[in-house]
C-alpha atoms as a PDB file:
ATOM      1  CA  UNK A   1      11.022 110.011-190.790  1.00  0.00           C
ATOM      2  CA  UNK A   2      12.802 106.666-190.615  1.00  0.00           C
ATOM      3  CA  UNK A   3      15.836 105.484-192.581  1.00  0.00           C
ATOM      4  CA  UNK A   4      14.609 102.295-194.277  1.00  0.00           C
ATOM      5  CA  UNK A   5      16.471  99.670-196.287  1.00  0.00           C
ATOM      6  CA  UNK A   6      14.224  97.645-198.618  1.00  0.00           C
ATOM      7  CA  UNK A   7      16.028  94.505-199.786  1.00  0.00           C
ATOM      8  CA  UNK A   8      14.438  93.266-203.003  1.00  0.00           C
ATOM      9  CA  UNK A   9      12.931  96.527-204.220  1.00  0.00           C
ATOM     10  CA  UNK A  10      12.768  95.795-207.942  1.00  0.00           C
ATOM     11  CA  UNK A  11      10.035  93.131-207.925  1.00  0.00           C
ATOM     12  CA  UNK A  12       6.303  93.750-208.026  1.00  0.00           C
ATOM     13  CA  UNK A  13       5.852  93.982-204.256  1.00  0.00           C
ATOM     14  CA  UNK A  14       9.124  95.813-203.671  1.00  0.00           C
ATOM     15  CA  UNK A  15       8.565  98.468-206.319  1.00  0.00           C
ATOM     16  CA  UNK A  16       4.972  98.992-205.229  1.00  0.00           C
ATOM     17  CA  UNK A  17       6.075  99.305-201.619  1.00  0.00           C
ATOM     18  CA  UNK A  18       8.797 101.874-202.165  1.00  0.00           C
ATOM     19  CA  UNK A  19       6.473 103.953-204.332  1.00  0.00           C
ATOM     20  CA  UNK A  20       4.307 104.442-201.248  1.00  0.00           C
ATOM     21  CA  UNK A  21       6.774 104.643-198.361  1.00  0.00           C
ATOM     22  CA  UNK A  22       9.398 106.784-200.130  1.00  0.00           C
ATOM     23  CA  UNK A  23       7.015 109.727-199.722  1.00  0.00           C
ATOM     24  CA  UNK A  24       7.174 109.244-195.946  1.00  0.00           C
ATOM     25  CA  UNK A  25      10.612 107.834-195.147  1.00  0.00           C
ATOM     26  CA  UNK A  26      14.158 107.975-196.451  1.00  0.00           C
ATOM     27  CA  UNK A  27      14.434 104.767-198.482  1.00  0.00           C
ATOM     28  CA  UNK A  28      17.314 102.793-199.911  1.00  0.00           C
ATOM     29  CA  UNK A  29      16.266 100.010-202.287  1.00  0.00           C
ATOM     30  CA  UNK A  30      18.421  97.086-203.354  1.00  0.00           C
ATOM     31  CA  UNK A  31      18.309  95.158-206.600  1.00  0.00           C
ATOM     32  CA  UNK A  32      20.104  92.077-207.921  1.00  0.00           C
ATOM     33  CA  UNK A  33      19.855  92.194-211.700  1.00  0.00           C
ATOM     34  CA  UNK A  34      17.266  94.775-212.758  1.00  0.00           C
ATOM     35  CA  UNK A  35      17.886  98.384-211.892  1.00  0.00           C
ATOM     36  CA  UNK A  36      15.197 100.217-209.944  1.00  0.00           C
ATOM     37  CA  UNK A  37      12.948 102.681-211.764  1.00  0.00           C
ATOM     38  CA  UNK A  38      12.121 104.882-208.762  1.00  0.00           C
ATOM     39  CA  UNK A  39      14.116 108.121-208.810  1.00  0.00           C
ATOM     40  CA  UNK A  40      13.162 109.135-205.251  1.00  0.00           C
ATOM     41  CA  UNK A  41      15.287 106.530-203.494  1.00  0.00           C
ATOM     42  CA  UNK A  42      18.924 105.559-203.133  1.00  0.00           C
ATOM     43  CA  UNK A  43      19.699 102.486-205.245  1.00  0.00           C
ATOM     44  CA  UNK A  44      22.240  99.783-204.342  1.00  0.00           C
ATOM     45  CA  UNK A  45      23.066  96.478-206.019  1.00  0.00           C
ATOM     46  CA  UNK A  46      23.023  93.623-203.504  1.00  0.00           C
ATOM     47  CA  UNK A  47      23.300  89.832-203.623  1.00  0.00           C
ATOM     48  CA  UNK A  48      22.183  88.576-200.211  1.00  0.00           C
ATOM     49  CA  UNK A  49      23.859  85.203-200.778  1.00  0.00           C
ATOM     50  CA  UNK A  50      27.287  86.883-200.711  1.00  0.00           C
ATOM     51  CA  UNK A  51      28.512  88.450-197.478  1.00  0.00           C
ATOM     52  CA  UNK A  52      30.929  90.732-199.311  1.00  0.00           C
ATOM     53  CA  UNK A  53      28.019  92.253-201.238  1.00  0.00           C
ATOM     54  CA  UNK A  54      26.838  93.913-198.029  1.00  0.00           C
ATOM     55  CA  UNK A  55      29.909  96.136-198.181  1.00  0.00           C
ATOM     56  CA  UNK A  56      27.933  98.142-200.775  1.00  0.00           C
ATOM     57  CA  UNK A  57      25.543  99.259-198.030  1.00  0.00           C
ATOM     58  CA  UNK A  58      25.922 102.163-195.689  1.00  0.00           C
ATOM     59  CA  UNK A  59      24.852 101.950-192.060  1.00  0.00           C
ATOM     60  CA  UNK A  60      22.410 103.994-190.060  1.00  0.00           C
ATOM     61  CA  UNK A  61      19.206 102.218-191.037  1.00  0.00           C
ATOM     62  CA  UNK A  62      16.354 102.105-188.555  1.00  0.00           C
ATOM     63  CA  UNK A  63      14.550  99.231-190.284  1.00  0.00           C
ATOM     64  CA  UNK A  64      15.291  96.563-192.871  1.00  0.00           C
ATOM     65  CA  UNK A  65      12.413  95.244-194.980  1.00  0.00           C
ATOM     66  CA  UNK A  66      13.405  91.879-196.459  1.00  0.00           C
ATOM     67  CA  UNK A  67      11.375  91.006-199.561  1.00  0.00           C
ATOM     68  CA  UNK A  68      14.102  89.428-201.687  1.00  0.00           C
ATOM     69  CA  UNK A  69      13.908  85.674-202.041  1.00  0.00           C
ATOM     70  CA  UNK A  70      13.844  82.764-204.446  1.00  0.00           C
ATOM     71  CA  UNK A  71      10.290  81.653-205.241  1.00  0.00           C
ATOM     72  CA  UNK A  72       8.610  79.223-207.659  1.00  0.00           C
ATOM     73  CA  UNK A  73       6.852  81.993-209.584  1.00  0.00           C
ATOM     74  CA  UNK A  74      10.220  83.491-210.555  1.00  0.00           C
ATOM     75  CA  UNK A  75      12.137  80.265-211.176  1.00  0.00           C
ATOM     76  CA  UNK A  76      12.736  78.985-214.691  1.00  0.00           C
ATOM     77  CA  UNK A  77      13.175  75.245-214.367  1.00  0.00           C
ATOM     78  CA  UNK A  78      13.752  73.870-210.888  1.00  0.00           C
ATOM     79  CA  UNK A  79      16.766  74.289-208.617  1.00  0.00           C
ATOM     80  CA  UNK A  80      16.018  73.485-204.987  1.00  0.00           C
ATOM     81  CA  UNK A  81      19.517  74.598-203.954  1.00  0.00           C
ATOM     82  CA  UNK A  82      18.573  78.151-204.884  1.00  0.00           C
ATOM     83  CA  UNK A  83      15.880  78.162-202.203  1.00  0.00           C
ATOM     84  CA  UNK A  84      18.422  77.204-199.565  1.00  0.00           C
ATOM     85  CA  UNK A  85      21.077  79.618-200.809  1.00  0.00           C
ATOM     86  CA  UNK A  86      18.777  82.644-201.071  1.00  0.00           C
ATOM     87  CA  UNK A  87      16.002  82.096-198.545  1.00  0.00           C
ATOM     88  CA  UNK A  88      18.029  80.484-195.778  1.00  0.00           C
ATOM     89  CA  UNK A  89      21.656  81.556-196.172  1.00  0.00           C
ATOM     90  CA  UNK A  90      20.616  84.903-197.611  1.00  0.00           C
ATOM     91  CA  UNK A  91      18.300  85.613-194.689  1.00  0.00           C
ATOM     92  CA  UNK A  92      21.066  84.656-192.267  1.00  0.00           C
ATOM     93  CA  UNK A  93      23.405  87.121-193.999  1.00  0.00           C
ATOM     94  CA  UNK A  94      20.807  89.878-193.686  1.00  0.00           C
ATOM     95  CA  UNK A  95      20.320  89.117-190.003  1.00  0.00           C
ATOM     96  CA  UNK A  96      24.084  89.225-189.426  1.00  0.00           C
ATOM     97  CA  UNK A  97      24.242  92.543-191.233  1.00  0.00           C
ATOM     98  CA  UNK A  98      21.548  93.880-188.888  1.00  0.00           C
ATOM     99  CA  UNK A  99      23.355  92.580-185.813  1.00  0.00           C
ATOM    100  CA  UNK A 100      26.760  93.946-186.807  1.00  0.00           C
ATOM    101  CA  UNK A 101      25.333  97.348-187.742  1.00  0.00           C
ATOM    102  CA  UNK A 102      23.069  97.702-184.713  1.00  0.00           C
ATOM    103  CA  UNK A 103      19.884  97.789-186.789  1.00  0.00           C
ATOM    104  CA  UNK A 104      17.040  97.181-184.357  1.00  0.00           C
ATOM    105  CA  UNK A 105      14.195  96.014-186.605  1.00  0.00           C
ATOM    106  CA  UNK A 106      13.629  93.708-189.543  1.00  0.00           C
ATOM    107  CA  UNK A 107      10.318  93.184-191.354  1.00  0.00           C
ATOM    108  CA  UNK A 108      10.110  89.897-193.253  1.00  0.00           C
ATOM    109  CA  UNK A 109       7.664  88.919-195.994  1.00  0.00           C
ATOM    110  CA  UNK A 110       6.571  85.295-195.589  1.00  0.00           C
ATOM    111  CA  UNK A 111       4.637  82.967-197.897  1.00  0.00           C
ATOM    112  CA  UNK A 112       1.297  81.429-196.949  1.00  0.00           C
ATOM    113  CA  UNK A 113       2.611  78.073-198.173  1.00  0.00           C
ATOM    114  CA  UNK A 114       3.395  77.182-194.553  1.00  0.00           C
ATOM    115  CA  UNK A 115      -0.339  76.678-193.941  1.00  0.00           C
ATOM    116  CA  UNK A 116      -1.348  75.137-197.265  1.00  0.00           C
ATOM    117  CA  UNK A 117      -2.860  72.188-195.404  1.00  0.00           C
ATOM    118  CA  UNK A 118      -5.443  74.568-193.937  1.00  0.00           C
ATOM    119  CA  UNK A 119      -6.831  75.541-197.335  1.00  0.00           C
ATOM    120  CA  UNK A 120     -10.319  74.323-198.232  1.00  0.00           C
ATOM    121  CA  UNK A 121     -11.351  73.934-194.582  1.00  0.00           C
ATOM    122  CA  UNK A 122     -13.553  77.026-194.496  1.00  0.00           C
ATOM    123  CA  UNK A 123     -11.927  78.059-191.204  1.00  0.00           C
ATOM    124  CA  UNK A 124     -10.006  81.377-191.086  1.00  0.00           C
ATOM    125  CA  UNK A 125      -6.274  80.774-190.595  1.00  0.00           C
ATOM    126  CA  UNK A 126      -4.931  82.155-187.304  1.00  0.00           C
ATOM    127  CA  UNK A 127      -1.282  82.972-186.541  1.00  0.00           C
ATOM    128  CA  UNK A 128      -1.251  80.422-183.701  1.00  0.00           C
ATOM    129  CA  UNK A 129      -2.366  77.561-185.962  1.00  0.00           C
ATOM    130  CA  UNK A 130       0.203  74.824-186.494  1.00  0.00           C
ATOM    131  CA  UNK A 131       2.098  74.806-189.752  1.00  0.00           C
ATOM    132  CA  UNK A 132       0.729  72.431-192.357  1.00  0.00           C
ATOM    133  CA  UNK A 133       3.203  72.350-195.211  1.00  0.00           C
ATOM    134  CA  UNK A 134       2.705  70.360-198.377  1.00  0.00           C
ATOM    135  CA  UNK A 135       5.770  68.140-198.761  1.00  0.00           C
ATOM    136  CA  UNK A 136       5.355  67.345-202.452  1.00  0.00           C
ATOM    137  CA  UNK A 137       5.492  69.469-205.580  1.00  0.00           C
ATOM    138  CA  UNK A 138       7.546  72.459-206.684  1.00  0.00           C
ATOM    139  CA  UNK A 139       6.585  74.526-203.607  1.00  0.00           C
ATOM    140  CA  UNK A 140       7.833  72.018-201.012  1.00  0.00           C
ATOM    141  CA  UNK A 141      11.486  73.055-200.623  1.00  0.00           C
ATOM    142  CA  UNK A 142      10.461  76.676-201.118  1.00  0.00           C
ATOM    143  CA  UNK A 143       8.056  76.506-198.165  1.00  0.00           C
ATOM    144  CA  UNK A 144      10.619  74.640-196.054  1.00  0.00           C
ATOM    145  CA  UNK A 145      13.225  77.315-196.770  1.00  0.00           C
ATOM    146  CA  UNK A 146      10.859  80.149-195.846  1.00  0.00           C
ATOM    147  CA  UNK A 147       9.883  78.436-192.592  1.00  0.00           C
ATOM    148  CA  UNK A 148      13.574  77.970-191.794  1.00  0.00           C
ATOM    149  CA  UNK A 149      14.140  81.668-192.412  1.00  0.00           C
ATOM    150  CA  UNK A 150      11.363  82.467-189.923  1.00  0.00           C
ATOM    151  CA  UNK A 151      13.074  80.277-187.332  1.00  0.00           C
ATOM    152  CA  UNK A 152      16.305  82.199-187.903  1.00  0.00           C
ATOM    153  CA  UNK A 153      14.442  85.454-187.310  1.00  0.00           C
ATOM    154  CA  UNK A 154      13.093  84.115-184.017  1.00  0.00           C
ATOM    155  CA  UNK A 155      16.593  83.053-183.009  1.00  0.00           C
ATOM    156  CA  UNK A 156      17.950  86.553-183.624  1.00  0.00           C
ATOM    157  CA  UNK A 157      15.045  88.034-181.696  1.00  0.00           C
ATOM    158  CA  UNK A 158      15.660  85.867-178.646  1.00  0.00           C
ATOM    159  CA  UNK A 159      19.459  85.830-178.820  1.00  0.00           C
ATOM    160  CA  UNK A 160      20.174  89.432-179.804  1.00  0.00           C
ATOM    161  CA  UNK A 161      16.959  91.327-179.057  1.00  0.00           C
ATOM    162  CA  UNK A 162      16.228  92.129-182.710  1.00  0.00           C
ATOM    163  CA  UNK A 163      12.634  93.225-183.285  1.00  0.00           C
ATOM    164  CA  UNK A 164      11.352  90.860-185.959  1.00  0.00           C
ATOM    165  CA  UNK A 165       7.990  91.334-187.649  1.00  0.00           C
ATOM    166  CA  UNK A 166       6.889  88.683-190.126  1.00  0.00           C
ATOM    167  CA  UNK A 167       3.949  89.246-192.460  1.00  0.00           C
ATOM    168  CA  UNK A 168       2.383  86.113-193.918  1.00  0.00           C
ATOM    169  CA  UNK A 169       0.964  87.053-197.317  1.00  0.00           C
ATOM    170  CA  UNK A 170      -1.189  85.387-199.947  1.00  0.00           C
ATOM    171  CA  UNK A 171      -0.789  86.661-203.509  1.00  0.00           C
ATOM    172  CA  UNK A 172      -0.523  90.444-203.267  1.00  0.00           C
ATOM    173  CA  UNK A 173      -2.014  91.986-206.392  1.00  0.00           C
ATOM    174  CA  UNK A 174       0.122  94.723-207.918  1.00  0.00           C
ATOM    175  CA  UNK A 175      -0.064  97.391-210.572  1.00  0.00           C
ATOM    176  CA  UNK A 176       2.986  96.967-212.803  1.00  0.00           C
ATOM    177  CA  UNK A 177       4.199  95.361-216.026  1.00  0.00           C
ATOM    178  CA  UNK A 178       5.046  91.998-214.448  1.00  0.00           C
ATOM    179  CA  UNK A 179       2.196  89.872-215.801  1.00  0.00           C
ATOM    180  CA  UNK A 180       4.033  86.564-216.240  1.00  0.00           C
ATOM    181  CA  UNK A 181       5.165  83.970-213.724  1.00  0.00           C
ATOM    182  CA  UNK A 182       6.439  80.400-213.654  1.00  0.00           C
ATOM    183  CA  UNK A 183       4.396  77.274-212.955  1.00  0.00           C
ATOM    184  CA  UNK A 184       6.476  74.130-212.458  1.00  0.00           C
ATOM    185  CA  UNK A 185       9.358  76.024-214.028  1.00  0.00           C
ATOM    186  CA  UNK A 186       7.456  77.043-217.178  1.00  0.00           C
ATOM    187  CA  UNK A 187       6.575  80.645-218.010  1.00  0.00           C
ATOM    188  CA  UNK A 188       2.844  81.423-217.924  1.00  0.00           C
ATOM    189  CA  UNK A 189       0.681  84.531-217.935  1.00  0.00           C
ATOM    190  CA  UNK A 190      -1.057  85.269-214.654  1.00  0.00           C
ATOM    191  CA  UNK A 191      -4.599  83.921-214.610  1.00  0.00           C
ATOM    192  CA  UNK A 192      -6.318  87.206-213.807  1.00  0.00           C
ATOM    193  CA  UNK A 193      -4.436  88.971-216.612  1.00  0.00           C
ATOM    194  CA  UNK A 194      -5.618  86.278-219.040  1.00  0.00           C
ATOM    195  CA  UNK A 195      -9.176  86.805-217.805  1.00  0.00           C
ATOM    196  CA  UNK A 196      -8.952  90.576-218.266  1.00  0.00           C
ATOM    197  CA  UNK A 197      -7.534  90.160-221.767  1.00  0.00           C
ATOM    198  CA  UNK A 198     -10.217  87.634-222.705  1.00  0.00           C
ATOM    199  CA  UNK A 199     -12.978  89.992-221.581  1.00  0.00           C
ATOM    200  CA  UNK A 200     -11.473  92.980-223.386  1.00  0.00           C
ATOM    201  CA  UNK A 201     -10.522  91.206-226.591  1.00  0.00           C
ATOM    202  CA  UNK A 202     -13.038  88.361-226.955  1.00  0.00           C
ATOM    203  CA  UNK A 203     -16.012  89.397-224.806  1.00  0.00           C
ATOM    204  CA  UNK A 204     -15.934  85.950-223.221  1.00  0.00           C
ATOM    205  CA  UNK A 205     -14.399  84.156-220.264  1.00  0.00           C
ATOM    206  CA  UNK A 206     -14.098  80.678-218.771  1.00  0.00           C
ATOM    207  CA  UNK A 207     -14.564  80.037-215.047  1.00  0.00           C
ATOM    208  CA  UNK A 208     -12.699  76.946-213.901  1.00  0.00           C
ATOM    209  CA  UNK A 209     -13.496  74.654-211.017  1.00  0.00           C
ATOM    210  CA  UNK A 210     -15.662  75.597-208.050  1.00  0.00           C
ATOM    211  CA  UNK A 211     -16.804  79.177-208.605  1.00  0.00           C
ATOM    212  CA  UNK A 212     -17.573  79.544-204.884  1.00  0.00           C
ATOM    213  CA  UNK A 213     -13.970  78.946-203.830  1.00  0.00           C
ATOM    214  CA  UNK A 214     -12.803  82.166-202.201  1.00  0.00           C
ATOM    215  CA  UNK A 215      -9.454  83.632-201.263  1.00  0.00           C
ATOM    216  CA  UNK A 216      -7.918  86.727-199.707  1.00  0.00           C
ATOM    217  CA  UNK A 217      -6.854  89.236-202.376  1.00  0.00           C
ATOM    218  CA  UNK A 218      -4.862  92.082-200.787  1.00  0.00           C
ATOM    219  CA  UNK A 219      -3.772  95.004-202.949  1.00  0.00           C
ATOM    220  CA  UNK A 220      -0.247  96.423-202.904  1.00  0.00           C
ATOM    221  CA  UNK A 221      -1.369  99.878-201.794  1.00  0.00           C
ATOM    222  CA  UNK A 222      -2.996  98.420-198.681  1.00  0.00           C
ATOM    223  CA  UNK A 223      -0.014  96.158-198.020  1.00  0.00           C
ATOM    224  CA  UNK A 224       2.307  99.171-198.240  1.00  0.00           C
ATOM    225  CA  UNK A 225       0.220 100.927-195.585  1.00  0.00           C
ATOM    226  CA  UNK A 226       0.636  97.914-193.322  1.00  0.00           C
ATOM    227  CA  UNK A 227       4.407  97.867-193.855  1.00  0.00           C
ATOM    228  CA  UNK A 228       4.582 101.580-193.072  1.00  0.00           C
ATOM    229  CA  UNK A 229       2.672 101.044-189.839  1.00  0.00           C
ATOM    230  CA  UNK A 230       5.110  98.264-188.926  1.00  0.00           C
ATOM    231  CA  UNK A 231       8.086 100.520-189.615  1.00  0.00           C
ATOM    232  CA  UNK A 232       6.767 102.958-187.016  1.00  0.00           C
ATOM    233  CA  UNK A 233       5.590 100.370-184.461  1.00  0.00           C
ATOM    234  CA  UNK A 234       8.109 100.054-181.626  1.00  0.00           C
ATOM    235  CA  UNK A 235       6.908  96.876-179.915  1.00  0.00           C
ATOM    236  CA  UNK A 236       5.151  94.625-182.466  1.00  0.00           C
ATOM    237  CA  UNK A 237       6.803  91.241-182.588  1.00  0.00           C
ATOM    238  CA  UNK A 238       6.360  87.913-184.354  1.00  0.00           C
ATOM    239  CA  UNK A 239       4.030  86.615-187.035  1.00  0.00           C
ATOM    240  CA  UNK A 240       1.089  88.574-188.439  1.00  0.00           C
ATOM    241  CA  UNK A 241      -1.363  87.638-191.171  1.00  0.00           C
ATOM    242  CA  UNK A 242      -1.410  90.136-194.027  1.00  0.00           C
ATOM    243  CA  UNK A 243      -4.535  89.304-195.974  1.00  0.00           C
ATOM    244  CA  UNK A 244      -7.900  91.023-195.943  1.00  0.00           C
ATOM    245  CA  UNK A 245     -10.136  88.756-193.883  1.00  0.00           C
ATOM    246  CA  UNK A 246     -12.727  89.202-196.644  1.00  0.00           C
ATOM    247  CA  UNK A 247     -12.224  86.411-199.181  1.00  0.00           C
ATOM    248  CA  UNK A 248     -13.418  86.923-202.746  1.00  0.00           C
ATOM    249  CA  UNK A 249     -15.046  84.055-204.629  1.00  0.00           C
ATOM    250  CA  UNK A 250     -14.076  83.297-208.212  1.00  0.00           C
ATOM    251  CA  UNK A 251     -17.562  84.274-209.349  1.00  0.00           C
ATOM    252  CA  UNK A 252     -17.384  87.609-207.504  1.00  0.00           C
ATOM    253  CA  UNK A 253     -13.921  88.293-208.898  1.00  0.00           C
ATOM    254  CA  UNK A 254     -15.033  87.678-212.467  1.00  0.00           C
ATOM    255  CA  UNK A 255     -18.133  89.815-211.916  1.00  0.00           C
ATOM    256  CA  UNK A 256     -15.827  92.613-210.780  1.00  0.00           C
ATOM    257  CA  UNK A 257     -13.539  92.198-213.798  1.00  0.00           C
ATOM    258  CA  UNK A 258     -16.534  92.425-216.106  1.00  0.00           C
ATOM    259  CA  UNK A 259     -17.797  95.538-214.298  1.00  0.00           C
ATOM    260  CA  UNK A 260     -14.447  97.284-214.631  1.00  0.00           C
ATOM    261  CA  UNK A 261     -13.194  96.106-218.030  1.00  0.00           C
ATOM    262  CA  UNK A 262     -16.194  95.126-220.209  1.00  0.00           C
ATOM    263  CA  UNK A 263     -17.231  98.733-220.920  1.00  0.00           C
ATOM    264  CA  UNK A 264     -20.879  97.719-220.918  1.00  0.00           C
ATOM    265  CA  UNK A 265     -20.464  94.946-223.480  1.00  0.00           C
ATOM    266  CA  UNK A 266     -22.208  91.615-222.982  1.00  0.00           C
ATOM    267  CA  UNK A 267     -19.752  88.939-221.846  1.00  0.00           C
ATOM    268  CA  UNK A 268     -20.238  85.239-222.521  1.00  0.00           C
ATOM    269  CA  UNK A 269     -19.355  83.180-219.433  1.00  0.00           C
ATOM    270  CA  UNK A 270     -18.512  79.481-219.841  1.00  0.00           C
ATOM    271  CA  UNK A 271     -18.370  77.359-216.693  1.00  0.00           C
ATOM    272  CA  UNK A 272     -15.799  74.572-216.527  1.00  0.00           C
ATOM    273  CA  UNK A 273     -16.305  72.664-213.251  1.00  0.00           C
ATOM    274  CA  UNK A 274     -14.175  69.850-214.710  1.00  0.00           C
ATOM    275  CA  UNK A 275     -11.065  72.044-214.485  1.00  0.00           C
ATOM    276  CA  UNK A 276      -8.912  72.691-211.360  1.00  0.00           C
ATOM    277  CA  UNK A 277     -10.267  75.074-208.737  1.00  0.00           C
ATOM    278  CA  UNK A 278      -8.467  78.039-207.214  1.00  0.00           C
ATOM    279  CA  UNK A 279      -7.445  77.776-203.543  1.00  0.00           C
ATOM    280  CA  UNK A 280     -10.102  78.349-200.905  1.00  0.00           C
ATOM    281  CA  UNK A 281      -8.891  80.130-197.747  1.00  0.00           C
ATOM    282  CA  UNK A 282      -8.989  83.265-195.652  1.00  0.00           C
ATOM    283  CA  UNK A 283      -6.866  84.779-192.899  1.00  0.00           C
ATOM    284  CA  UNK A 284      -8.022  85.793-189.463  1.00  0.00           C
ATOM    285  CA  UNK A 285      -6.907  89.431-189.350  1.00  0.00           C
ATOM    286  CA  UNK A 286      -7.803  90.316-185.751  1.00  0.00           C
ATOM    287  CA  UNK A 287      -4.237  90.315-184.421  1.00  0.00           C
ATOM    288  CA  UNK A 288      -2.968  92.443-187.312  1.00  0.00           C
ATOM    289  CA  UNK A 289      -5.835  94.924-187.084  1.00  0.00           C
ATOM    290  CA  UNK A 290      -5.531  95.266-183.310  1.00  0.00           C
ATOM    291  CA  UNK A 291      -1.742  95.633-183.279  1.00  0.00           C
ATOM    292  CA  UNK A 292      -1.327  98.045-186.184  1.00  0.00           C
ATOM    293  CA  UNK A 293      -4.757  99.704-186.250  1.00  0.00           C
ATOM    294  CA  UNK A 294      -4.971  98.400-189.806  1.00  0.00           C
ATOM    295  CA  UNK A 295      -7.987  98.217-192.083  1.00  0.00           C
ATOM    296  CA  UNK A 296      -7.635  97.480-195.825  1.00  0.00           C
ATOM    297  CA  UNK A 297      -9.295 100.146-197.960  1.00  0.00           C
ATOM    298  CA  UNK A 298      -9.333  98.575-201.414  1.00  0.00           C
ATOM    299  CA  UNK A 299     -12.105  96.150-202.265  1.00  0.00           C
ATOM    300  CA  UNK A 300     -11.765  94.065-205.425  1.00  0.00           C
ATOM    301  CA  UNK A 301     -13.547  96.583-207.678  1.00  0.00           C
ATOM    302  CA  UNK A 302     -11.421  99.474-206.420  1.00  0.00           C
ATOM    303  CA  UNK A 303      -8.308  97.354-206.885  1.00  0.00           C
ATOM    304  CA  UNK A 304      -9.192  96.522-210.492  1.00  0.00           C
ATOM    305  CA  UNK A 305     -10.079 100.123-211.261  1.00  0.00           C
ATOM    306  CA  UNK A 306      -6.682 101.251-209.982  1.00  0.00           C
ATOM    307  CA  UNK A 307      -4.949  98.566-212.042  1.00  0.00           C
ATOM    308  CA  UNK A 308      -6.929  99.596-215.129  1.00  0.00           C
ATOM    309  CA  UNK A 309      -6.088 103.265-214.727  1.00  0.00           C
ATOM    310  CA  UNK A 310      -2.422 102.877-213.788  1.00  0.00           C
ATOM    311  CA  UNK A 311      -1.054  99.836-215.615  1.00  0.00           C
ATOM    312  CA  UNK A 312       1.493 100.806-218.307  1.00  0.00           C
ATOM    313  CA  UNK A 313       0.185 100.897-221.888  1.00  0.00           C
ATOM    314  CA  UNK A 314       0.141  97.612-223.740  1.00  0.00           C
ATOM    315  CA  UNK A 315       0.144  95.320-220.704  1.00  0.00           C
ATOM    316  CA  UNK A 316      -3.533  94.489-220.402  1.00  0.00           C
ATOM    317  CA  UNK A 317      -3.975  94.544-224.197  1.00  0.00           C
ATOM    318  CA  UNK A 318      -0.568  93.612-225.715  1.00  0.00           C
ATOM    319  CA  UNK A 319      -1.427  94.478-229.319  1.00  0.00           C
ATOM    320  CA  UNK A 320      -2.044  98.077-228.264  1.00  0.00           C
ATOM    321  CA  UNK A 321       1.512  98.398-227.022  1.00  0.00           C
ATOM    322  CA  UNK A 322       3.194 101.577-228.208  1.00  0.00           C
ATOM    323  CA  UNK A 323       6.791 101.766-229.399  1.00  0.00           C
END
């Protein structure tokens, strides 16, 4: 059993992660504003942008898992300074905390925005590929800040011998009540939640753009297994892709949603090729699989079935919400 500090444990990924690893390891989870719901872990309030906030933490951790960060999906409006303060300065503060407290390992969760220029090529993205950031739009400074954080991790690895493992993730699908996110600073409902609701409530759905565009769709339970393997791995170092290597097309995804949520009812599908398409990409997972002996178990149907059976009441169908 390891003593693990998860920084940013109250979000979708963080809460899903600690639900899995707290049955294996001793876990402390940090939160900024929303208290953690998990009763099996130690809870600590932490603001990584403030060095004095780290005084709330005890020592003795074997591994730090850094999930906390400012991201477009959680940002109302637009404040590029927040990306620098949280993702760069905050990461530096975490690294200094590790150095001063002789913590030997940090696991960092990295966005796939650093390779956005490799989308739509049809070629699996490899860890050794050059970065291809998009330097316009609301994700630009975000991606720059996350890349800078990765460079800080490499510095602490080379300068101080810290074992740094970085997992590059696409959207990790989760089973919780967080169904909204921000697009260009405005609050929206996640696309797949809207599709599920449309199928359940209206028996119809629209498919936008190129229905053959495919993307990696990892599930939180698989991602938690990968994190747990990294916690125990003594020599893994550097960047690892954390997708599936098996991209799912929009058409296949909608077929799966219908299979899981339509309850046998006939669903009217309207195709809208005039509308924007979803990203088209996949990760090469050979390095990750070889290093961690990792194989995702959840396909898209299994993922949706788990979401259906475990999502809190009233989330997938709001009007059925109970008081």
